[in-house]
Amino acid sequence: MEVEIEVKARADPENVREKLAKLGARLLRIETQEDIYFEHPCRSMLEVDEALRLRVAEGRVELTYKGPRSHSLAKSRLEITVGLDDAQAAKLLLEQLGFREAVKVRKRRESYALGRITVALDEVEGLGFFVEVEGDSESEVLSILSELGAVEIVKETYAELAAKLLA
């Protein structure tokens, strides 16, 4: 269980890669991720600003609960993640409990380490390119985002953006 502090912005991928190289960032991995967000059987997860996500990525399966976001420039929220072995069984279990698939987000993610900061460059299917900066404090996250040249901060989650496309 941890509190995640992150900021997301629209990005020019080549510009971000160039600035990451100049800052000495280390590429951790490139992977394809499929995120399935679920709706609770008795309330709207979007309306209460929570998320339940099943992520499948390069042999990893994770189930993550995300609590409500703080209302500042950087998104700060409780995040609880558990590793699983079988995505299909996890999805079936959630469906048997009354959860239903709300939205699916597919992306190609490049993950970088910049000291204690994690930077993700995402190409999200149907939505475009984004950079996410995650760290221990809002000020350091915003500072790195600025150094990367990102100016258009996006407060919505990928699930919210994808849901708007479906509406």
N, C-alpha and C. Protein backbone atom coordinates (compact mmCIF):
# COMPACT_ATOMS: atom_id res chain seq x y z
N MET A 1 0.86 -1.17 0.00
CA MET A 1 0.00 0.00 0.00
C MET A 1 0.90 1.23 0.00
N GLU A 2 0.58 2.16 -0.88
CA GLU A 2 1.38 3.38 -0.96
C GLU A 2 0.50 4.52 -1.43
N VAL A 3 1.01 5.72 -1.29
CA VAL A 3 0.35 6.88 -1.86
C VAL A 3 1.13 7.26 -3.10
N GLU A 4 0.42 7.31 -4.22
CA GLU A 4 1.07 7.65 -5.48
C GLU A 4 0.90 9.15 -5.70
N ILE A 5 1.99 9.81 -6.09
CA ILE A 5 1.96 11.22 -6.44
C ILE A 5 2.46 11.31 -7.88
N GLU A 6 1.56 11.72 -8.78
CA GLU A 6 1.93 11.77 -10.19
C GLU A 6 1.24 12.91 -10.91
N VAL A 7 1.84 13.29 -12.02
CA VAL A 7 1.26 14.28 -12.92
C VAL A 7 1.37 13.73 -14.33
N LYS A 8 0.30 13.93 -15.10
CA LYS A 8 0.27 13.45 -16.48
C LYS A 8 0.10 14.67 -17.39
N ALA A 9 0.75 14.64 -18.55
CA ALA A 9 0.62 15.73 -19.52
C ALA A 9 0.69 15.16 -20.93
N ARG A 10 0.08 15.86 -21.85
CA ARG A 10 0.23 15.49 -23.26
C ARG A 10 1.69 15.72 -23.62
N ALA A 11 2.20 14.93 -24.55
CA ALA A 11 3.64 14.99 -24.81
C ALA A 11 3.99 14.75 -26.27
N ASP A 12 5.10 15.35 -26.67
CA ASP A 12 5.75 15.05 -27.94
C ASP A 12 6.81 14.00 -27.59
N PRO A 13 6.63 12.75 -28.02
CA PRO A 13 7.52 11.67 -27.57
C PRO A 13 9.00 11.91 -27.88
N GLU A 14 9.30 12.42 -29.06
CA GLU A 14 10.72 12.62 -29.41
C GLU A 14 11.35 13.68 -28.50
N ASN A 15 10.62 14.74 -28.22
CA ASN A 15 11.10 15.80 -27.34
C ASN A 15 11.35 15.25 -25.93
N VAL A 16 10.42 14.44 -25.43
CA VAL A 16 10.56 13.88 -24.09
C VAL A 16 11.75 12.93 -24.04
N ARG A 17 11.91 12.07 -25.03
CA ARG A 17 13.06 11.14 -25.06
C ARG A 17 14.38 11.90 -25.07
N GLU A 18 14.44 12.95 -25.86
CA GLU A 18 15.66 13.76 -25.95
C GLU A 18 15.99 14.40 -24.60
N LYS A 19 14.98 14.96 -23.94
CA LYS A 19 15.21 15.61 -22.65
C LYS A 19 15.54 14.59 -21.56
N LEU A 20 14.93 13.41 -21.62
CA LEU A 20 15.26 12.36 -20.66
C LEU A 20 16.72 11.95 -20.81
N ALA A 21 17.19 11.84 -22.04
CA ALA A 21 18.59 11.48 -22.29
C ALA A 21 19.52 12.55 -21.72
N LYS A 22 19.20 13.82 -21.94
CA LYS A 22 20.02 14.91 -21.42
C LYS A 22 20.05 14.93 -19.89
N LEU A 23 18.94 14.51 -19.27
CA LEU A 23 18.87 14.48 -17.81
C LEU A 23 19.52 13.22 -17.22
N GLY A 24 19.93 12.29 -18.08
CA GLY A 24 20.58 11.07 -17.61
C GLY A 24 19.62 9.99 -17.16
N ALA A 25 18.38 10.03 -17.63
CA ALA A 25 17.40 9.00 -17.26
C ALA A 25 17.82 7.65 -17.81
N ARG A 26 17.46 6.61 -17.08
CA ARG A 26 17.79 5.24 -17.46
C ARG A 26 16.51 4.52 -17.89
N LEU A 27 16.53 3.97 -19.13
CA LEU A 27 15.38 3.21 -19.61
C LEU A 27 15.27 1.92 -18.81
N LEU A 28 14.11 1.69 -18.21
CA LEU A 28 13.88 0.48 -17.42
C LEU A 28 13.27 -0.64 -18.28
N ARG A 29 12.24 -0.29 -19.06
CA ARG A 29 11.59 -1.30 -19.90
C ARG A 29 10.62 -0.62 -20.87
N ILE A 30 10.33 -1.36 -21.91
CA ILE A 30 9.29 -0.97 -22.87
C ILE A 30 8.33 -2.15 -22.90
N GLU A 31 7.05 -1.87 -22.70
CA GLU A 31 6.09 -2.96 -22.67
C GLU A 31 4.72 -2.50 -23.14
N THR A 32 3.91 -3.47 -23.52
CA THR A 32 2.51 -3.22 -23.85
C THR A 32 1.68 -3.58 -22.63
N GLN A 33 0.77 -2.68 -22.27
CA GLN A 33 -0.09 -2.91 -21.11
C GLN A 33 -1.55 -2.85 -21.56
N GLU A 34 -2.33 -3.77 -21.01
CA GLU A 34 -3.78 -3.71 -21.19
C GLU A 34 -4.40 -3.57 -19.81
N ASP A 35 -5.13 -2.48 -19.63
CA ASP A 35 -5.77 -2.19 -18.36
C ASP A 35 -7.28 -2.31 -18.52
N ILE A 36 -7.89 -3.12 -17.67
CA ILE A 36 -9.35 -3.25 -17.67
C ILE A 36 -9.83 -2.62 -16.37
N TYR A 37 -10.70 -1.62 -16.49
CA TYR A 37 -11.27 -0.94 -15.33
C TYR A 37 -12.67 -1.49 -15.10
N PHE A 38 -12.99 -1.72 -13.84
CA PHE A 38 -14.26 -2.33 -13.48
C PHE A 38 -15.16 -1.36 -12.73
N GLU A 39 -16.45 -1.51 -12.93
CA GLU A 39 -17.46 -0.77 -12.18
C GLU A 39 -17.96 -1.65 -11.04
N HIS A 40 -18.17 -1.03 -9.91
CA HIS A 40 -18.72 -1.69 -8.72
C HIS A 40 -20.19 -2.00 -8.96
N PRO A 41 -20.71 -3.11 -8.41
CA PRO A 41 -22.10 -3.46 -8.67
C PRO A 41 -23.12 -2.51 -8.02
N CYS A 42 -22.71 -1.72 -7.01
CA CYS A 42 -23.68 -0.90 -6.28
C CYS A 42 -23.44 0.61 -6.39
N ARG A 43 -22.35 1.01 -7.02
CA ARG A 43 -22.06 2.45 -7.15
C ARG A 43 -21.10 2.66 -8.30
N SER A 44 -21.06 3.89 -8.78
CA SER A 44 -20.16 4.22 -9.88
C SER A 44 -18.78 4.55 -9.35
N MET A 45 -17.79 3.79 -9.76
CA MET A 45 -16.41 4.04 -9.34
C MET A 45 -15.97 5.42 -9.82
N LEU A 46 -16.36 5.81 -11.03
CA LEU A 46 -15.97 7.12 -11.55
C LEU A 46 -16.57 8.24 -10.70
N GLU A 47 -17.83 8.09 -10.30
CA GLU A 47 -18.49 9.14 -9.52
C GLU A 47 -17.86 9.31 -8.14
N VAL A 48 -17.37 8.23 -7.54
CA VAL A 48 -16.73 8.35 -6.22
C VAL A 48 -15.23 8.50 -6.33
N ASP A 49 -14.74 8.66 -7.59
CA ASP A 49 -13.33 8.91 -7.87
C ASP A 49 -12.42 7.79 -7.35
N GLU A 50 -12.84 6.56 -7.59
CA GLU A 50 -12.04 5.39 -7.26
C GLU A 50 -11.85 4.58 -8.54
N ALA A 51 -10.91 3.64 -8.50
CA ALA A 51 -10.69 2.78 -9.65
C ALA A 51 -10.31 1.38 -9.18
N LEU A 52 -10.78 0.39 -9.91
CA LEU A 52 -10.36 -0.99 -9.73
C LEU A 52 -9.88 -1.44 -11.10
N ARG A 53 -8.57 -1.72 -11.18
CA ARG A 53 -7.94 -2.00 -12.47
C ARG A 53 -7.25 -3.36 -12.46
N LEU A 54 -7.48 -4.11 -13.54
CA LEU A 54 -6.75 -5.36 -13.78
C LEU A 54 -5.78 -5.06 -14.91
N ARG A 55 -4.48 -5.17 -14.64
CA ARG A 55 -3.45 -4.87 -15.65
C ARG A 55 -2.74 -6.16 -16.06
N VAL A 56 -2.62 -6.34 -17.38
CA VAL A 56 -1.84 -7.44 -17.95
C VAL A 56 -0.73 -6.80 -18.76
N ALA A 57 0.52 -7.14 -18.41
CA ALA A 57 1.67 -6.53 -19.08
C ALA A 57 2.83 -7.50 -19.10
N GLU A 58 3.18 -7.96 -20.30
CA GLU A 58 4.40 -8.76 -20.49
C GLU A 58 4.60 -9.82 -19.41
N GLY A 59 3.59 -10.67 -19.23
CA GLY A 59 3.72 -11.76 -18.28
C GLY A 59 3.36 -11.42 -16.84
N ARG A 60 3.07 -10.15 -16.56
CA ARG A 60 2.66 -9.71 -15.22
C ARG A 60 1.16 -9.49 -15.20
N VAL A 61 0.54 -9.85 -14.08
CA VAL A 61 -0.88 -9.57 -13.87
C VAL A 61 -1.00 -8.90 -12.51
N GLU A 62 -1.67 -7.73 -12.48
CA GLU A 62 -1.84 -7.00 -11.23
C GLU A 62 -3.27 -6.52 -11.10
N LEU A 63 -3.77 -6.57 -9.87
CA LEU A 63 -5.07 -5.99 -9.55
C LEU A 63 -4.79 -4.81 -8.63
N THR A 64 -5.30 -3.63 -9.01
CA THR A 64 -5.00 -2.41 -8.26
C THR A 64 -6.27 -1.67 -7.91
N TYR A 65 -6.37 -1.27 -6.64
CA TYR A 65 -7.41 -0.35 -6.18
C TYR A 65 -6.77 1.02 -6.05
N LYS A 66 -7.44 2.05 -6.56
CA LYS A 66 -6.97 3.42 -6.43
C LYS A 66 -8.06 4.22 -5.73
N GLY A 67 -7.68 4.87 -4.63
CA GLY A 67 -8.62 5.67 -3.87
C GLY A 67 -8.85 7.03 -4.51
N PRO A 68 -9.71 7.83 -3.90
CA PRO A 68 -10.00 9.17 -4.43
C PRO A 68 -8.74 10.03 -4.52
N ARG A 69 -8.71 10.90 -5.53
CA ARG A 69 -7.57 11.79 -5.76
C ARG A 69 -7.67 13.03 -4.89
N SER A 70 -6.49 13.57 -4.53
CA SER A 70 -6.44 14.88 -3.90
C SER A 70 -6.72 15.90 -5.00
N HIS A 71 -7.11 17.08 -4.61
CA HIS A 71 -7.43 18.10 -5.61
C HIS A 71 -6.34 19.15 -5.65
N SER A 72 -5.22 18.76 -6.28
CA SER A 72 -4.11 19.68 -6.50
C SER A 72 -3.59 19.41 -7.91
N LEU A 73 -2.52 20.09 -8.30
CA LEU A 73 -1.98 19.89 -9.64
C LEU A 73 -1.48 18.45 -9.82
N ALA A 74 -0.76 17.96 -8.82
CA ALA A 74 -0.31 16.57 -8.86
C ALA A 74 -1.42 15.70 -8.29
N LYS A 75 -1.59 14.55 -8.90
CA LYS A 75 -2.60 13.61 -8.43
C LYS A 75 -1.97 12.77 -7.32
N SER A 76 -2.59 12.79 -6.16
CA SER A 76 -2.11 11.99 -5.03
C SER A 76 -3.27 11.12 -4.57
N ARG A 77 -3.02 9.82 -4.46
CA ARG A 77 -4.10 8.91 -4.04
C ARG A 77 -3.52 7.62 -3.49
N LEU A 78 -4.31 6.98 -2.63
CA LEU A 78 -3.95 5.67 -2.10
C LEU A 78 -4.00 4.67 -3.23
N GLU A 79 -2.99 3.79 -3.27
CA GLU A 79 -2.94 2.75 -4.29
C GLU A 79 -2.53 1.44 -3.63
N ILE A 80 -3.34 0.42 -3.85
CA ILE A 80 -3.05 -0.92 -3.31
C ILE A 80 -3.01 -1.88 -4.50
N THR A 81 -1.88 -2.56 -4.68
CA THR A 81 -1.69 -3.47 -5.80
C THR A 81 -1.32 -4.86 -5.30
N VAL A 82 -1.94 -5.87 -5.89
CA VAL A 82 -1.57 -7.25 -5.60
C VAL A 82 -1.22 -7.94 -6.91
N GLY A 83 -0.17 -8.74 -6.87
CA GLY A 83 0.23 -9.53 -8.03
C GLY A 83 -0.61 -10.79 -8.12
N LEU A 84 -0.95 -11.18 -9.33
CA LEU A 84 -1.76 -12.36 -9.57
C LEU A 84 -1.09 -13.24 -10.62
N ASP A 85 -1.56 -14.46 -10.74
CA ASP A 85 -1.01 -15.39 -11.73
C ASP A 85 -1.87 -15.51 -12.98
N ASP A 86 -3.17 -15.28 -12.86
CA ASP A 86 -4.09 -15.63 -13.95
C ASP A 86 -5.09 -14.50 -14.18
N ALA A 87 -4.92 -13.76 -15.26
CA ALA A 87 -5.80 -12.62 -15.56
C ALA A 87 -7.24 -13.08 -15.82
N GLN A 88 -7.41 -14.17 -16.56
CA GLN A 88 -8.75 -14.65 -16.88
C GLN A 88 -9.51 -15.06 -15.63
N ALA A 89 -8.82 -15.76 -14.71
CA ALA A 89 -9.47 -16.17 -13.46
C ALA A 89 -9.83 -14.95 -12.62
N ALA A 90 -8.95 -13.96 -12.58
CA ALA A 90 -9.21 -12.73 -11.81
C ALA A 90 -10.42 -12.01 -12.37
N LYS A 91 -10.49 -11.90 -13.69
CA LYS A 91 -11.63 -11.23 -14.34
C LYS A 91 -12.93 -11.99 -14.05
N LEU A 92 -12.88 -13.30 -14.15
CA LEU A 92 -14.06 -14.12 -13.86
C LEU A 92 -14.50 -13.96 -12.41
N LEU A 93 -13.56 -13.95 -11.50
CA LEU A 93 -13.88 -13.77 -10.07
C LEU A 93 -14.57 -12.43 -9.85
N LEU A 94 -14.02 -11.35 -10.42
CA LEU A 94 -14.63 -10.03 -10.26
C LEU A 94 -16.04 -10.00 -10.86
N GLU A 95 -16.22 -10.61 -12.01
CA GLU A 95 -17.54 -10.65 -12.64
C GLU A 95 -18.54 -11.44 -11.80
N GLN A 96 -18.09 -12.54 -11.19
CA GLN A 96 -18.96 -13.33 -10.32
C GLN A 96 -19.38 -12.55 -9.08
N LEU A 97 -18.55 -11.60 -8.67
CA LEU A 97 -18.88 -10.76 -7.51
C LEU A 97 -19.75 -9.56 -7.90
N GLY A 98 -20.07 -9.45 -9.19
CA GLY A 98 -20.95 -8.38 -9.63
C GLY A 98 -20.25 -7.20 -10.29
N PHE A 99 -18.93 -7.20 -10.31
CA PHE A 99 -18.20 -6.13 -11.00
C PHE A 99 -18.35 -6.34 -12.50
N ARG A 100 -18.39 -5.23 -13.24
CA ARG A 100 -18.47 -5.37 -14.69
C ARG A 100 -17.40 -4.51 -15.34
N GLU A 101 -16.93 -4.97 -16.48
CA GLU A 101 -15.92 -4.23 -17.23
C GLU A 101 -16.51 -2.91 -17.70
N ALA A 102 -15.85 -1.81 -17.35
CA ALA A 102 -16.33 -0.48 -17.73
C ALA A 102 -15.60 0.05 -18.95
N VAL A 103 -14.29 -0.07 -18.93
CA VAL A 103 -13.49 0.46 -20.02
C VAL A 103 -12.16 -0.28 -20.07
N LYS A 104 -11.62 -0.39 -21.29
CA LYS A 104 -10.33 -1.05 -21.49
C LYS A 104 -9.37 -0.03 -22.10
N VAL A 105 -8.15 0.03 -21.57
CA VAL A 105 -7.14 0.96 -22.07
C VAL A 105 -5.92 0.15 -22.46
N ARG A 106 -5.48 0.33 -23.71
CA ARG A 106 -4.26 -0.34 -24.17
C ARG A 106 -3.21 0.72 -24.44
N LYS A 107 -1.99 0.44 -24.01
CA LYS A 107 -0.93 1.41 -24.24
C LYS A 107 0.42 0.73 -24.38
N ARG A 108 1.31 1.46 -25.04
CA ARG A 108 2.72 1.08 -25.11
C ARG A 108 3.42 2.03 -24.16
N ARG A 109 4.12 1.48 -23.18
CA ARG A 109 4.75 2.30 -22.13
C ARG A 109 6.26 2.11 -22.14
N GLU A 110 6.96 3.24 -22.16
CA GLU A 110 8.40 3.26 -21.94
C GLU A 110 8.59 3.80 -20.52
N SER A 111 9.23 3.02 -19.66
CA SER A 111 9.46 3.44 -18.27
C SER A 111 10.92 3.81 -18.07
N TYR A 112 11.14 4.96 -17.42
CA TYR A 112 12.48 5.48 -17.17
C TYR A 112 12.65 5.78 -15.68
N ALA A 113 13.88 5.64 -15.20
CA ALA A 113 14.24 6.04 -13.83
C ALA A 113 15.10 7.29 -13.93
N LEU A 114 14.76 8.26 -13.10
CA LEU A 114 15.49 9.51 -13.02
C LEU A 114 15.68 9.79 -11.53
N GLY A 115 16.72 9.19 -10.96
CA GLY A 115 16.88 9.22 -9.51
C GLY A 115 15.73 8.43 -8.89
N ARG A 116 15.01 9.06 -7.94
CA ARG A 116 13.87 8.39 -7.31
C ARG A 116 12.57 8.64 -8.07
N ILE A 117 12.66 9.37 -9.16
CA ILE A 117 11.49 9.69 -9.98
C ILE A 117 11.31 8.63 -11.05
N THR A 118 10.06 8.26 -11.32
CA THR A 118 9.74 7.37 -12.42
C THR A 118 9.03 8.19 -13.49
N VAL A 119 9.46 8.04 -14.72
CA VAL A 119 8.84 8.73 -15.85
C VAL A 119 8.34 7.66 -16.82
N ALA A 120 7.08 7.79 -17.21
CA ALA A 120 6.50 6.88 -18.20
C ALA A 120 6.10 7.68 -19.42
N LEU A 121 6.53 7.23 -20.58
CA LEU A 121 6.10 7.81 -21.84
C LEU A 121 5.12 6.81 -22.44
N ASP A 122 3.87 7.22 -22.54
CA ASP A 122 2.79 6.33 -22.95
C ASP A 122 2.21 6.72 -24.30
N GLU A 123 2.04 5.73 -25.16
CA GLU A 123 1.25 5.90 -26.37
C GLU A 123 -0.04 5.13 -26.13
N VAL A 124 -1.11 5.87 -25.85
CA VAL A 124 -2.38 5.26 -25.47
C VAL A 124 -3.27 5.14 -26.69
N GLU A 125 -3.73 3.92 -26.94
CA GLU A 125 -4.56 3.64 -28.11
C GLU A 125 -5.78 4.56 -28.13
N GLY A 126 -5.92 5.32 -29.22
CA GLY A 126 -7.07 6.21 -29.39
C GLY A 126 -6.95 7.55 -28.69
N LEU A 127 -5.92 7.73 -27.86
CA LEU A 127 -5.80 8.97 -27.09
C LEU A 127 -4.54 9.76 -27.39
N GLY A 128 -3.49 9.11 -27.86
CA GLY A 128 -2.25 9.82 -28.19
C GLY A 128 -1.13 9.57 -27.20
N PHE A 129 -0.18 10.52 -27.17
CA PHE A 129 1.03 10.41 -26.35
C PHE A 129 0.91 11.24 -25.08
N PHE A 130 1.39 10.64 -23.98
CA PHE A 130 1.39 11.30 -22.68
C PHE A 130 2.69 11.00 -21.97
N VAL A 131 3.07 11.88 -21.06
CA VAL A 131 4.17 11.60 -20.16
C VAL A 131 3.59 11.65 -18.74
N GLU A 132 3.94 10.65 -17.92
CA GLU A 132 3.54 10.62 -16.52
C GLU A 132 4.81 10.65 -15.68
N VAL A 133 4.82 11.54 -14.70
CA VAL A 133 5.96 11.65 -13.79
C VAL A 133 5.44 11.31 -12.40
N GLU A 134 6.11 10.36 -11.73
CA GLU A 134 5.69 9.90 -10.41
C GLU A 134 6.87 9.99 -9.46
N GLY A 135 6.61 10.52 -8.26
CA GLY A 135 7.67 10.66 -7.27
C GLY A 135 7.14 10.81 -5.86
N ASP A 136 8.01 11.30 -4.97
CA ASP A 136 7.67 11.39 -3.55
C ASP A 136 7.01 12.70 -3.15
N SER A 137 7.16 13.75 -3.99
CA SER A 137 6.56 15.03 -3.64
C SER A 137 6.03 15.73 -4.88
N GLU A 138 5.00 16.53 -4.67
CA GLU A 138 4.39 17.27 -5.78
C GLU A 138 5.39 18.22 -6.42
N SER A 139 6.19 18.89 -5.61
CA SER A 139 7.13 19.87 -6.16
C SER A 139 8.18 19.22 -7.06
N GLU A 140 8.72 18.06 -6.65
CA GLU A 140 9.72 17.43 -7.50
C GLU A 140 9.10 16.85 -8.77
N VAL A 141 7.89 16.35 -8.69
CA VAL A 141 7.20 15.81 -9.86
C VAL A 141 6.92 16.94 -10.86
N LEU A 142 6.43 18.07 -10.36
CA LEU A 142 6.14 19.21 -11.24
C LEU A 142 7.42 19.79 -11.84
N SER A 143 8.49 19.78 -11.07
CA SER A 143 9.77 20.29 -11.56
C SER A 143 10.29 19.44 -12.73
N ILE A 144 10.24 18.13 -12.59
CA ILE A 144 10.68 17.23 -13.67
C ILE A 144 9.78 17.38 -14.89
N LEU A 145 8.48 17.47 -14.66
CA LEU A 145 7.55 17.64 -15.77
C LEU A 145 7.89 18.90 -16.56
N SER A 146 8.22 19.97 -15.85
CA SER A 146 8.61 21.22 -16.49
C SER A 146 9.90 21.05 -17.29
N GLU A 147 10.88 20.34 -16.71
CA GLU A 147 12.16 20.10 -17.41
C GLU A 147 11.96 19.28 -18.68
N LEU A 148 10.91 18.46 -18.69
CA LEU A 148 10.64 17.64 -19.87
C LEU A 148 9.87 18.42 -20.94
N GLY A 149 9.52 19.66 -20.61
CA GLY A 149 8.85 20.51 -21.59
C GLY A 149 7.36 20.28 -21.71
N ALA A 150 6.78 19.54 -20.78
CA ALA A 150 5.34 19.28 -20.83
C ALA A 150 4.60 20.47 -20.22
N VAL A 151 3.63 20.99 -20.96
CA VAL A 151 2.91 22.15 -20.47
C VAL A 151 1.41 21.91 -20.31
N GLU A 152 0.86 20.98 -21.09
CA GLU A 152 -0.58 20.73 -21.02
C GLU A 152 -0.86 19.58 -20.05
N ILE A 153 -1.03 19.94 -18.77
CA ILE A 153 -1.32 18.93 -17.74
C ILE A 153 -2.72 18.38 -17.96
N VAL A 154 -2.83 17.06 -17.81
CA VAL A 154 -4.11 16.37 -17.98
C VAL A 154 -4.50 15.81 -16.62
N LYS A 155 -5.63 16.26 -16.10
CA LYS A 155 -6.06 15.80 -14.78
C LYS A 155 -6.85 14.49 -14.83
N GLU A 156 -7.47 14.21 -15.99
CA GLU A 156 -8.25 12.98 -16.10
C GLU A 156 -7.34 11.76 -16.16
N THR A 157 -7.86 10.64 -15.69
CA THR A 157 -7.16 9.37 -15.81
C THR A 157 -7.36 8.85 -17.23
N TYR A 158 -6.55 7.86 -17.62
CA TYR A 158 -6.74 7.24 -18.93
C TYR A 158 -8.14 6.63 -19.03
N ALA A 159 -8.61 6.05 -17.94
CA ALA A 159 -9.96 5.44 -17.94
C ALA A 159 -11.02 6.51 -18.21
N GLU A 160 -10.88 7.68 -17.59
CA GLU A 160 -11.85 8.75 -17.82
C GLU A 160 -11.80 9.25 -19.26
N LEU A 161 -10.59 9.42 -19.78
CA LEU A 161 -10.43 9.87 -21.17
C LEU A 161 -11.02 8.84 -22.14
N ALA A 162 -10.75 7.57 -21.89
CA ALA A 162 -11.27 6.50 -22.76
C ALA A 162 -12.80 6.41 -22.67
N ALA A 163 -13.34 6.60 -21.46
CA ALA A 163 -14.79 6.55 -21.28
C ALA A 163 -15.48 7.68 -22.05
N LYS A 164 -14.84 8.85 -22.12
CA LYS A 164 -15.39 9.97 -22.90
C LYS A 164 -15.46 9.62 -24.38
N LEU A 165 -14.46 8.87 -24.86
CA LEU A 165 -14.48 8.44 -26.27
C LEU A 165 -15.65 7.51 -26.55
N LEU A 166 -15.98 6.69 -25.56
CA LEU A 166 -17.07 5.71 -25.75
C LEU A 166 -18.44 6.34 -25.62
N ALA A 167 -18.52 7.49 -24.93
CA ALA A 167 -19.82 8.14 -24.67
C ALA A 167 -20.42 8.76 -25.91
